[in-house]
Amino acid sequence: MTESEYTRLANDTLSSLEQAIEESDGDFDYEFTEGGILQIEFADDSVIVVNKQAAAQEIWVAAKSGGFHYRWNGESWRDTRSDEELFAALSRFASAQSGSTVTLR
């Protein structure tokens, strides 16, 4: 994939994630910072950070449970180790950190 294709795809994904967060009933706040970094902040002061890694053409996630790398497989962003889909993983991470079920689609 070209750099411009990656950038468009990653930006579209982060925009979709922002919309999913806005539509969820989760007990958390979020903020985009410089460089397209998304921080999801929870009541217990824990954070999930989602950001683009252009050099690797991946989306990286840092959560309480660890760090994860997601690569586009032509259909969705998949974890490079477990093959879990990005939004499913973020739903699981947010549920664990908020203490209630969160579904991000």
PDB file of N, CA and C in Angstrom:
ATOM      1  N   MET A   1       0.852  -1.165   0.000  1.00  0.00           N
ATOM      2  CA  MET A   1       0.000   0.000   0.000  1.00  0.00           C
ATOM      3  C   MET A   1       0.898   1.227   0.000  1.00  0.00           C
ATOM      4  N   THR A   2       0.475   2.244  -0.722  1.00  0.00           N
ATOM      5  CA  THR A   2       1.275   3.469  -0.773  1.00  0.00           C
ATOM      6  C   THR A   2       1.095   4.254   0.526  1.00  0.00           C
ATOM      7  N   GLU A   3       1.988   5.208   0.729  1.00  0.00           N
ATOM      8  CA  GLU A   3       1.904   6.042   1.920  1.00  0.00           C
ATOM      9  C   GLU A   3       0.594   6.828   1.955  1.00  0.00           C
ATOM     10  N   SER A   4       0.171   7.357   0.809  1.00  0.00           N
ATOM     11  CA  SER A   4      -1.081   8.134   0.775  1.00  0.00           C
ATOM     12  C   SER A   4      -2.291   7.234   1.020  1.00  0.00           C
ATOM     13  N   GLU A   5      -2.260   6.000   0.529  1.00  0.00           N
ATOM     14  CA  GLU A   5      -3.363   5.059   0.797  1.00  0.00           C
ATOM     15  C   GLU A   5      -3.430   4.749   2.285  1.00  0.00           C
ATOM     16  N   TYR A   6      -2.262   4.478   2.873  1.00  0.00           N
ATOM     17  CA  TYR A   6      -2.217   4.209   4.316  1.00  0.00           C
ATOM     18  C   TYR A   6      -2.774   5.394   5.101  1.00  0.00           C
ATOM     19  N   THR A   7      -2.326   6.593   4.780  1.00  0.00           N
ATOM     20  CA  THR A   7      -2.748   7.796   5.510  1.00  0.00           C
ATOM     21  C   THR A   7      -4.262   7.977   5.423  1.00  0.00           C
ATOM     22  N   ARG A   8      -4.820   7.833   4.232  1.00  0.00           N
ATOM     23  CA  ARG A   8      -6.264   7.968   4.057  1.00  0.00           C
ATOM     24  C   ARG A   8      -7.005   6.914   4.874  1.00  0.00           C
ATOM     25  N   LEU A   9      -6.574   5.665   4.768  1.00  0.00           N
ATOM     26  CA  LEU A   9      -7.218   4.564   5.467  1.00  0.00           C
ATOM     27  C   LEU A   9      -7.120   4.732   6.983  1.00  0.00           C
ATOM     28  N   ALA A  10      -5.955   5.088   7.487  1.00  0.00           N
ATOM     29  CA  ALA A  10      -5.772   5.277   8.931  1.00  0.00           C
ATOM     30  C   ALA A  10      -6.594   6.457   9.438  1.00  0.00           C
ATOM     31  N   ASN A  11      -6.602   7.559   8.689  1.00  0.00           N
ATOM     32  CA  ASN A  11      -7.413   8.713   9.092  1.00  0.00           C
ATOM     33  C   ASN A  11      -8.898   8.377   9.092  1.00  0.00           C
ATOM     34  N   ASP A  12      -9.357   7.642   8.081  1.00  0.00           N
ATOM     35  CA  ASP A  12     -10.763   7.228   8.036  1.00  0.00           C
ATOM     36  C   ASP A  12     -11.106   6.345   9.228  1.00  0.00           C
ATOM     37  N   THR A  13     -10.189   5.472   9.588  1.00  0.00           N
ATOM     38  CA  THR A  13     -10.409   4.576  10.730  1.00  0.00           C
ATOM     39  C   THR A  13     -10.495   5.365  12.031  1.00  0.00           C
ATOM     40  N   LEU A  14      -9.593   6.320  12.223  1.00  0.00           N
ATOM     41  CA  LEU A  14      -9.635   7.134  13.442  1.00  0.00           C
ATOM     42  C   LEU A  14     -10.912   7.973  13.494  1.00  0.00           C
ATOM     43  N   SER A  15     -11.371   8.460  12.359  1.00  0.00           N
ATOM     44  CA  SER A  15     -12.640   9.205  12.316  1.00  0.00           C
ATOM     45  C   SER A  15     -13.811   8.294  12.667  1.00  0.00           C
ATOM     46  N   SER A  16     -13.794   7.072  12.155  1.00  0.00           N
ATOM     47  CA  SER A  16     -14.848   6.104  12.488  1.00  0.00           C
ATOM     48  C   SER A  16     -14.814   5.752  13.969  1.00  0.00           C
ATOM     49  N   LEU A  17     -13.618   5.647  14.524  1.00  0.00           N
ATOM     50  CA  LEU A  17     -13.482   5.369  15.948  1.00  0.00           C
ATOM     51  C   LEU A  17     -14.035   6.521  16.774  1.00  0.00           C
ATOM     52  N   GLU A  18     -13.748   7.744  16.369  1.00  0.00           N
ATOM     53  CA  GLU A  18     -14.285   8.906  17.077  1.00  0.00           C
ATOM     54  C   GLU A  18     -15.816   8.867  17.063  1.00  0.00           C
ATOM     55  N   GLN A  19     -16.409   8.571  15.925  1.00  0.00           N
ATOM     56  CA  GLN A  19     -17.869   8.486  15.827  1.00  0.00           C
ATOM     57  C   GLN A  19     -18.409   7.363  16.707  1.00  0.00           C
ATOM     58  N   ALA A  20     -17.732   6.219  16.713  1.00  0.00           N
ATOM     59  CA  ALA A  20     -18.164   5.091  17.544  1.00  0.00           C
ATOM     60  C   ALA A  20     -18.114   5.450  19.028  1.00  0.00           C
ATOM     61  N   ILE A  21     -17.094   6.186  19.425  1.00  0.00           N
ATOM     62  CA  ILE A  21     -16.982   6.615  20.819  1.00  0.00           C
ATOM     63  C   ILE A  21     -18.123   7.563  21.173  1.00  0.00           C
ATOM     64  N   GLU A  22     -18.412   8.508  20.282  1.00  0.00           N
ATOM     65  CA  GLU A  22     -19.502   9.455  20.521  1.00  0.00           C
ATOM     66  C   GLU A  22     -20.846   8.756  20.643  1.00  0.00           C
ATOM     67  N   GLU A  23     -21.043   7.688  19.893  1.00  0.00           N
ATOM     68  CA  GLU A  23     -22.314   6.964  19.892  1.00  0.00           C
ATOM     69  C   GLU A  23     -22.425   5.941  21.013  1.00  0.00           C
ATOM     70  N   SER A  24     -21.322   5.643  21.683  1.00  0.00           N
ATOM     71  CA  SER A  24     -21.348   4.637  22.749  1.00  0.00           C
ATOM     72  C   SER A  24     -21.880   5.251  24.041  1.00  0.00           C
ATOM     73  N   ASP A  25     -22.288   4.372  24.941  1.00  0.00           N
ATOM     74  CA  ASP A  25     -22.771   4.808  26.249  1.00  0.00           C
ATOM     75  C   ASP A  25     -21.688   4.667  27.316  1.00  0.00           C
ATOM     76  N   GLY A  26     -20.443   4.541  26.895  1.00  0.00           N
ATOM     77  CA  GLY A  26     -19.345   4.326  27.827  1.00  0.00           C
ATOM     78  C   GLY A  26     -19.102   5.520  28.734  1.00  0.00           C
ATOM     79  N   ASP A  27     -18.594   5.230  29.926  1.00  0.00           N
ATOM     80  CA  ASP A  27     -18.282   6.259  30.915  1.00  0.00           C
ATOM     81  C   ASP A  27     -16.814   6.660  30.756  1.00  0.00           C
ATOM     82  N   PHE A  28     -16.534   7.457  29.719  1.00  0.00           N
ATOM     83  CA  PHE A  28     -15.174   7.900  29.459  1.00  0.00           C
ATOM     84  C   PHE A  28     -15.217   9.140  28.588  1.00  0.00           C
ATOM     85  N   ASP A  29     -14.085   9.813  28.527  1.00  0.00           N
ATOM     86  CA  ASP A  29     -13.919  10.974  27.655  1.00  0.00           C
ATOM     87  C   ASP A  29     -12.847  10.629  26.641  1.00  0.00           C
ATOM     88  N   TYR A  30     -12.773  11.438  25.597  1.00  0.00           N
ATOM     89  CA  TYR A  30     -11.715  11.226  24.624  1.00  0.00           C
ATOM     90  C   TYR A  30     -11.231  12.564  24.110  1.00  0.00           C
ATOM     91  N   GLU A  31     -10.034  12.525  23.541  1.00  0.00           N
ATOM     92  CA  GLU A  31      -9.438  13.747  22.997  1.00  0.00           C
ATOM     93  C   GLU A  31      -8.461  13.375  21.889  1.00  0.00           C
ATOM     94  N   PHE A  32      -8.523  14.127  20.790  1.00  0.00           N
ATOM     95  CA  PHE A  32      -7.501  14.015  19.752  1.00  0.00           C
ATOM     96  C   PHE A  32      -6.428  15.036  20.067  1.00  0.00           C
ATOM     97  N   THR A  33      -5.179  14.615  19.981  1.00  0.00           N
ATOM     98  CA  THR A  33      -4.074  15.530  20.228  1.00  0.00           C
ATOM     99  C   THR A  33      -3.282  15.716  18.937  1.00  0.00           C
ATOM    100  N   GLU A  34      -2.251  16.506  18.999  1.00  0.00           N
ATOM    101  CA  GLU A  34      -1.393  16.760  17.839  1.00  0.00           C
ATOM    102  C   GLU A  34      -0.962  15.452  17.183  1.00  0.00           C
ATOM    103  N   GLY A  35      -0.941  15.448  15.870  1.00  0.00           N
ATOM    104  CA  GLY A  35      -0.464  14.286  15.135  1.00  0.00           C
ATOM    105  C   GLY A  35      -1.468  13.168  14.995  1.00  0.00           C
ATOM    106  N   GLY A  36      -2.733  13.404  15.329  1.00  0.00           N
ATOM    107  CA  GLY A  36      -3.751  12.383  15.162  1.00  0.00           C
ATOM    108  C   GLY A  36      -3.720  11.295  16.205  1.00  0.00           C
ATOM    109  N   ILE A  37      -3.317  11.633  17.409  1.00  0.00           N
ATOM    110  CA  ILE A  37      -3.309  10.663  18.509  1.00  0.00           C
ATOM    111  C   ILE A  37      -4.629  10.778  19.259  1.00  0.00           C
ATOM    112  N   LEU A  38      -5.299   9.650  19.437  1.00  0.00           N
ATOM    113  CA  LEU A  38      -6.570   9.603  20.151  1.00  0.00           C
ATOM    114  C   LEU A  38      -6.327   9.044  21.542  1.00  0.00           C
ATOM    115  N   GLN A  39      -6.744   9.800  22.563  1.00  0.00           N
ATOM    116  CA  GLN A  39      -6.633   9.344  23.944  1.00  0.00           C
ATOM    117  C   GLN A  39      -8.033   9.174  24.508  1.00  0.00           C
ATOM    118  N   ILE A  40      -8.308   7.988  25.031  1.00  0.00           N
ATOM    119  CA  ILE A  40      -9.576   7.694  25.682  1.00  0.00           C
ATOM    120  C   ILE A  40      -9.284   7.613  27.171  1.00  0.00           C
ATOM    121  N   GLU A  41      -9.946   8.472  27.949  1.00  0.00           N
ATOM    122  CA  GLU A  41      -9.649   8.608  29.378  1.00  0.00           C
ATOM    123  C   GLU A  41     -10.817   8.080  30.202  1.00  0.00           C
ATOM    124  N   PHE A  42     -10.493   7.275  31.214  1.00  0.00           N
ATOM    125  CA  PHE A  42     -11.495   6.612  32.041  1.00  0.00           C
ATOM    126  C   PHE A  42     -11.533   7.212  33.443  1.00  0.00           C
ATOM    127  N   ALA A  43     -12.601   6.922  34.185  1.00  0.00           N
ATOM    128  CA  ALA A  43     -12.815   7.482  35.519  1.00  0.00           C
ATOM    129  C   ALA A  43     -11.689   7.132  36.485  1.00  0.00           C
ATOM    130  N   ASP A  44     -11.044   5.979  36.296  1.00  0.00           N
ATOM    131  CA  ASP A  44      -9.955   5.579  37.197  1.00  0.00           C
ATOM    132  C   ASP A  44      -8.605   6.168  36.776  1.00  0.00           C
ATOM    133  N   ASP A  45      -8.644   7.155  35.858  1.00  0.00           N
ATOM    134  CA  ASP A  45      -7.461   7.830  35.333  1.00  0.00           C
ATOM    135  C   ASP A  45      -6.615   6.967  34.399  1.00  0.00           C
ATOM    136  N   SER A  46      -7.109   5.784  34.034  1.00  0.00           N
ATOM    137  CA  SER A  46      -6.393   4.995  33.031  1.00  0.00           C
ATOM    138  C   SER A  46      -6.723   5.548  31.646  1.00  0.00           C
ATOM    139  N   VAL A  47      -5.878   5.213  30.674  1.00  0.00           N
ATOM    140  CA  VAL A  47      -5.996   5.775  29.334  1.00  0.00           C
ATOM    141  C   VAL A  47      -5.764   4.677  28.297  1.00  0.00           C
ATOM    142  N   ILE A  48      -6.461   4.773  27.186  1.00  0.00           N
ATOM    143  CA  ILE A  48      -6.138   4.001  25.991  1.00  0.00           C
ATOM    144  C   ILE A  48      -5.663   5.013  24.963  1.00  0.00           C
ATOM    145  N   VAL A  49      -4.517   4.746  24.345  1.00  0.00           N
ATOM    146  CA  VAL A  49      -3.969   5.635  23.331  1.00  0.00           C
ATOM    147  C   VAL A  49      -3.976   4.890  21.994  1.00  0.00           C
ATOM    148  N   VAL A  50      -4.533   5.541  20.970  1.00  0.00           N
ATOM    149  CA  VAL A  50      -4.577   4.974  19.626  1.00  0.00           C
ATOM    150  C   VAL A  50      -3.867   5.958  18.704  1.00  0.00           C
ATOM    151  N   ASN A  51      -2.883   5.469  17.961  1.00  0.00           N
ATOM    152  CA  ASN A  51      -2.185   6.376  17.053  1.00  0.00           C
ATOM    153  C   ASN A  51      -1.694   5.653  15.807  1.00  0.00           C
ATOM    154  N   LYS A  52      -1.437   6.463  14.777  1.00  0.00           N
ATOM    155  CA  LYS A  52      -0.926   5.951  13.513  1.00  0.00           C
ATOM    156  C   LYS A  52       0.584   5.784  13.615  1.00  0.00           C
ATOM    157  N   GLN A  53       1.099   4.757  12.974  1.00  0.00           N
ATOM    158  CA  GLN A  53       2.534   4.541  12.843  1.00  0.00           C
ATOM    159  C   GLN A  53       2.817   4.388  11.354  1.00  0.00           C
ATOM    160  N   ALA A  54       3.040   5.524  10.694  1.00  0.00           N
ATOM    161  CA  ALA A  54       3.170   5.551   9.235  1.00  0.00           C
ATOM    162  C   ALA A  54       4.348   4.711   8.733  1.00  0.00           C
ATOM    163  N   ALA A  55       5.459   4.743   9.434  1.00  0.00           N
ATOM    164  CA  ALA A  55       6.636   3.998   8.969  1.00  0.00           C
ATOM    165  C   ALA A  55       6.345   2.504   8.873  1.00  0.00           C
ATOM    166  N   ALA A  56       5.558   1.985   9.803  1.00  0.00           N
ATOM    167  CA  ALA A  56       5.201   0.566   9.804  1.00  0.00           C
ATOM    168  C   ALA A  56       3.876   0.311   9.091  1.00  0.00           C
ATOM    169  N   GLN A  57       3.174   1.374   8.718  1.00  0.00           N
ATOM    170  CA  GLN A  57       1.823   1.309   8.134  1.00  0.00           C
ATOM    171  C   GLN A  57       0.897   0.513   9.044  1.00  0.00           C
ATOM    172  N   GLU A  58       0.907   0.877  10.311  1.00  0.00           N
ATOM    173  CA  GLU A  58       0.089   0.218  11.323  1.00  0.00           C
ATOM    174  C   GLU A  58      -0.639   1.261  12.165  1.00  0.00           C
ATOM    175  N   ILE A  59      -1.601   0.788  12.926  1.00  0.00           N
ATOM    176  CA  ILE A  59      -2.228   1.561  13.985  1.00  0.00           C
ATOM    177  C   ILE A  59      -1.816   0.883  15.281  1.00  0.00           C
ATOM    178  N   TRP A  60      -1.307   1.673  16.208  1.00  0.00           N
ATOM    179  CA  TRP A  60      -0.853   1.126  17.477  1.00  0.00           C
ATOM    180  C   TRP A  60      -1.807   1.532  18.584  1.00  0.00           C
ATOM    181  N   VAL A  61      -1.990   0.609  19.523  1.00  0.00           N
ATOM    182  CA  VAL A  61      -2.861   0.834  20.665  1.00  0.00           C
ATOM    183  C   VAL A  61      -2.079   0.518  21.934  1.00  0.00           C
ATOM    184  N   ALA A  62      -2.145   1.432  22.896  1.00  0.00           N
ATOM    185  CA  ALA A  62      -1.594   1.195  24.223  1.00  0.00           C
ATOM    186  C   ALA A  62      -2.763   1.220  25.193  1.00  0.00           C
ATOM    187  N   ALA A  63      -2.960   0.122  25.902  1.00  0.00           N
ATOM    188  CA  ALA A  63      -4.050  -0.007  26.876  1.00  0.00           C
ATOM    189  C   ALA A  63      -3.466  -0.559  28.172  1.00  0.00           C
ATOM    190  N   LYS A  64      -4.289  -0.591  29.202  1.00  0.00           N
ATOM    191  CA  LYS A  64      -3.842  -1.119  30.485  1.00  0.00           C
ATOM    192  C   LYS A  64      -3.305  -2.547  30.340  1.00  0.00           C
ATOM    193  N   SER A  65      -3.888  -3.292  29.399  1.00  0.00           N
ATOM    194  CA  SER A  65      -3.504  -4.695  29.214  1.00  0.00           C
ATOM    195  C   SER A  65      -2.280  -4.885  28.324  1.00  0.00           C
ATOM    196  N   GLY A  66      -1.744  -3.797  27.744  1.00  0.00           N
ATOM    197  CA  GLY A  66      -0.528  -3.931  26.951  1.00  0.00           C
ATOM    198  C   GLY A  66      -0.527  -3.082  25.697  1.00  0.00           C
ATOM    199  N   GLY A  67       0.475  -3.318  24.854  1.00  0.00           N
ATOM    200  CA  GLY A  67       0.617  -2.604  23.592  1.00  0.00           C
ATOM    201  C   GLY A  67       0.315  -3.541  22.435  1.00  0.00           C
ATOM    202  N   PHE A  68      -0.362  -3.011  21.412  1.00  0.00           N
ATOM    203  CA  PHE A  68      -0.826  -3.832  20.305  1.00  0.00           C
ATOM    204  C   PHE A  68      -0.607  -3.105  18.987  1.00  0.00           C
ATOM    205  N   HIS A  69      -0.283  -3.873  17.943  1.00  0.00           N
ATOM    206  CA  HIS A  69      -0.054  -3.325  16.611  1.00  0.00           C
ATOM    207  C   HIS A  69      -1.085  -3.925  15.659  1.00  0.00           C
ATOM    208  N   TYR A  70      -1.727  -3.065  14.879  1.00  0.00           N
ATOM    209  CA  TYR A  70      -2.765  -3.499  13.939  1.00  0.00           C
ATOM    210  C   TYR A  70      -2.346  -3.146  12.524  1.00  0.00           C
ATOM    211  N   ARG A  71      -2.449  -4.139  11.634  1.00  0.00           N
ATOM    212  CA  ARG A  71      -2.062  -3.964  10.236  1.00  0.00           C
ATOM    213  C   ARG A  71      -3.278  -4.245   9.358  1.00  0.00           C
ATOM    214  N   TRP A  72      -3.426  -3.462   8.301  1.00  0.00           N
ATOM    215  CA  TRP A  72      -4.534  -3.614   7.355  1.00  0.00           C
ATOM    216  C   TRP A  72      -4.330  -4.888   6.541  1.00  0.00           C
ATOM    217  N   ASN A  73      -5.366  -5.738   6.470  1.00  0.00           N
ATOM    218  CA  ASN A  73      -5.257  -6.986   5.709  1.00  0.00           C
ATOM    219  C   ASN A  73      -6.045  -6.941   4.393  1.00  0.00           C
ATOM    220  N   GLY A  74      -6.509  -5.746   4.013  1.00  0.00           N
ATOM    221  CA  GLY A  74      -7.317  -5.596   2.817  1.00  0.00           C
ATOM    222  C   GLY A  74      -8.794  -5.451   3.120  1.00  0.00           C
ATOM    223  N   GLU A  75      -9.185  -5.838   4.345  1.00  0.00           N
ATOM    224  CA  GLU A  75     -10.580  -5.738   4.775  1.00  0.00           C
ATOM    225  C   GLU A  75     -10.745  -5.041   6.121  1.00  0.00           C
ATOM    226  N   SER A  76      -9.787  -5.252   7.024  1.00  0.00           N
ATOM    227  CA  SER A  76      -9.881  -4.678   8.368  1.00  0.00           C
ATOM    228  C   SER A  76      -8.491  -4.601   8.990  1.00  0.00           C
ATOM    229  N   TRP A  77      -8.407  -3.838  10.085  1.00  0.00           N
ATOM    230  CA  TRP A  77      -7.163  -3.737  10.850  1.00  0.00           C
ATOM    231  C   TRP A  77      -7.113  -4.917  11.810  1.00  0.00           C
ATOM    232  N   ARG A  78      -6.035  -5.711  11.742  1.00  0.00           N
ATOM    233  CA  ARG A  78      -5.902  -6.918  12.549  1.00  0.00           C
ATOM    234  C   ARG A  78      -4.632  -6.869  13.379  1.00  0.00           C
ATOM    235  N   ASP A  79      -4.742  -7.357  14.616  1.00  0.00           N
ATOM    236  CA  ASP A  79      -3.592  -7.432  15.508  1.00  0.00           C
ATOM    237  C   ASP A  79      -2.533  -8.342  14.884  1.00  0.00           C
ATOM    238  N   THR A  80      -1.299  -7.899  14.911  1.00  0.00           N
ATOM    239  CA  THR A  80      -0.226  -8.642  14.261  1.00  0.00           C
ATOM    240  C   THR A  80       0.117  -9.943  14.987  1.00  0.00           C
ATOM    241  N   ARG A  81      -0.323 -10.098  16.231  1.00  0.00           N
ATOM    242  CA  ARG A  81      -0.056 -11.337  16.978  1.00  0.00           C
ATOM    243  C   ARG A  81      -1.277 -12.232  17.055  1.00  0.00           C
ATOM    244  N   SER A  82      -2.433 -11.674  17.459  1.00  0.00           N
ATOM    245  CA  SER A  82      -3.610 -12.506  17.710  1.00  0.00           C
ATOM    246  C   SER A  82      -4.605 -12.523  16.555  1.00  0.00           C
ATOM    247  N   ASP A  83      -4.488 -11.597  15.617  1.00  0.00           N
ATOM    248  CA  ASP A  83      -5.397 -11.426  14.481  1.00  0.00           C
ATOM    249  C   ASP A  83      -6.753 -10.847  14.912  1.00  0.00           C
ATOM    250  N   GLU A  84      -6.872 -10.362  16.154  1.00  0.00           N
ATOM    251  CA  GLU A  84      -8.124  -9.755  16.599  1.00  0.00           C
ATOM    252  C   GLU A  84      -8.352  -8.435  15.860  1.00  0.00           C
ATOM    253  N   GLU A  85      -9.596  -8.172  15.493  1.00  0.00           N
ATOM    254  CA  GLU A  85      -9.966  -6.958  14.771  1.00  0.00           C
ATOM    255  C   GLU A  85      -9.883  -5.749  15.705  1.00  0.00           C
ATOM    256  N   LEU A  86      -9.477  -4.606  15.180  1.00  0.00           N
ATOM    257  CA  LEU A  86      -9.214  -3.400  15.966  1.00  0.00           C
ATOM    258  C   LEU A  86     -10.405  -2.963  16.811  1.00  0.00           C
ATOM    259  N   PHE A  87     -11.585  -2.793  16.215  1.00  0.00           N
ATOM    260  CA  PHE A  87     -12.727  -2.277  16.965  1.00  0.00           C
ATOM    261  C   PHE A  87     -13.192  -3.277  18.025  1.00  0.00           C
ATOM    262  N   ALA A  88     -13.102  -4.574  17.735  1.00  0.00           N
ATOM    263  CA  ALA A  88     -13.442  -5.596  18.730  1.00  0.00           C
ATOM    264  C   ALA A  88     -12.483  -5.510  19.913  1.00  0.00           C
ATOM    265  N   ALA A  89     -11.199  -5.354  19.617  1.00  0.00           N
ATOM    266  CA  ALA A  89     -10.198  -5.247  20.683  1.00  0.00           C
ATOM    267  C   ALA A  89     -10.417  -3.981  21.508  1.00  0.00           C
ATOM    268  N   LEU A  90     -10.664  -2.850  20.837  1.00  0.00           N
ATOM    269  CA  LEU A  90     -10.892  -1.605  21.569  1.00  0.00           C
ATOM    270  C   LEU A  90     -12.142  -1.693  22.438  1.00  0.00           C
ATOM    271  N   SER A  91     -13.182  -2.375  21.966  1.00  0.00           N
ATOM    272  CA  SER A  91     -14.383  -2.589  22.779  1.00  0.00           C
ATOM    273  C   SER A  91     -14.029  -3.376  24.036  1.00  0.00           C
ATOM    274  N   ARG A  92     -13.213  -4.408  23.870  1.00  0.00           N
ATOM    275  CA  ARG A  92     -12.801  -5.234  25.010  1.00  0.00           C
ATOM    276  C   ARG A  92     -11.942  -4.434  25.985  1.00  0.00           C
ATOM    277  N   PHE A  93     -10.977  -3.673  25.457  1.00  0.00           N
ATOM    278  CA  PHE A  93     -10.116  -2.866  26.325  1.00  0.00           C
ATOM    279  C   PHE A  93     -10.930  -1.823  27.086  1.00  0.00           C
ATOM    280  N   ALA A  94     -11.824  -1.116  26.378  1.00  0.00           N
ATOM    281  CA  ALA A  94     -12.643  -0.070  27.008  1.00  0.00           C
ATOM    282  C   ALA A  94     -13.579  -0.668  28.051  1.00  0.00           C
ATOM    283  N   SER A  95     -14.127  -1.843  27.778  1.00  0.00           N
ATOM    284  CA  SER A  95     -14.996  -2.507  28.758  1.00  0.00           C
ATOM    285  C   SER A  95     -14.215  -2.837  30.018  1.00  0.00           C
ATOM    286  N   ALA A  96     -13.022  -3.366  29.860  1.00  0.00           N
ATOM    287  CA  ALA A  96     -12.193  -3.722  31.018  1.00  0.00           C
ATOM    288  C   ALA A  96     -11.808  -2.490  31.820  1.00  0.00           C
ATOM    289  N   GLN A  97     -11.462  -1.406  31.138  1.00  0.00           N
ATOM    290  CA  GLN A  97     -10.996  -0.215  31.847  1.00  0.00           C
ATOM    291  C   GLN A  97     -12.134   0.615  32.419  1.00  0.00           C
ATOM    292  N   SER A  98     -13.339   0.516  31.857  1.00  0.00           N
ATOM    293  CA  SER A  98     -14.454   1.288  32.384  1.00  0.00           C
ATOM    294  C   SER A  98     -15.272   0.513  33.409  1.00  0.00           C
ATOM    295  N   GLY A  99     -15.152  -0.796  33.381  1.00  0.00           N
ATOM    296  CA  GLY A  99     -15.916  -1.615  34.320  1.00  0.00           C
ATOM    297  C   GLY A  99     -17.328  -1.909  33.843  1.00  0.00           C
ATOM    298  N   SER A 100     -17.665  -1.537  32.611  1.00  0.00           N
ATOM    299  CA  SER A 100     -18.978  -1.842  32.046  1.00  0.00           C
ATOM    300  C   SER A 100     -18.809  -2.156  30.564  1.00  0.00           C
ATOM    301  N   THR A 101     -19.804  -2.807  30.002  1.00  0.00           N
ATOM    302  CA  THR A 101     -19.717  -3.225  28.610  1.00  0.00           C
ATOM    303  C   THR A 101     -19.716  -2.014  27.676  1.00  0.00           C
ATOM    304  N   VAL A 102     -18.724  -1.965  26.806  1.00  0.00           N
ATOM    305  CA  VAL A 102     -18.599  -0.918  25.794  1.00  0.00           C
ATOM    306  C   VAL A 102     -18.492  -1.608  24.442  1.00  0.00           C
ATOM    307  N   THR A 103     -19.310  -1.175  23.491  1.00  0.00           N
ATOM    308  CA  THR A 103     -19.237  -1.722  22.148  1.00  0.00           C
ATOM    309  C   THR A 103     -18.928  -0.584  21.187  1.00  0.00           C
ATOM    310  N   LEU A 104     -17.820  -0.698  20.504  1.00  0.00           N
ATOM    311  CA  LEU A 104     -17.407   0.309  19.519  1.00  0.00           C
ATOM    312  C   LEU A 104     -17.469  -0.339  18.140  1.00  0.00           C
ATOM    313  N   ARG A 105     -18.275   0.238  17.253  1.00  0.00           N
ATOM    314  CA  ARG A 105     -18.432  -0.324  15.908  1.00  0.00           C
ATOM    315  C   ARG A 105     -18.213   0.751  14.890  1.00  0.00           C
TER     316      ARG A 105
END
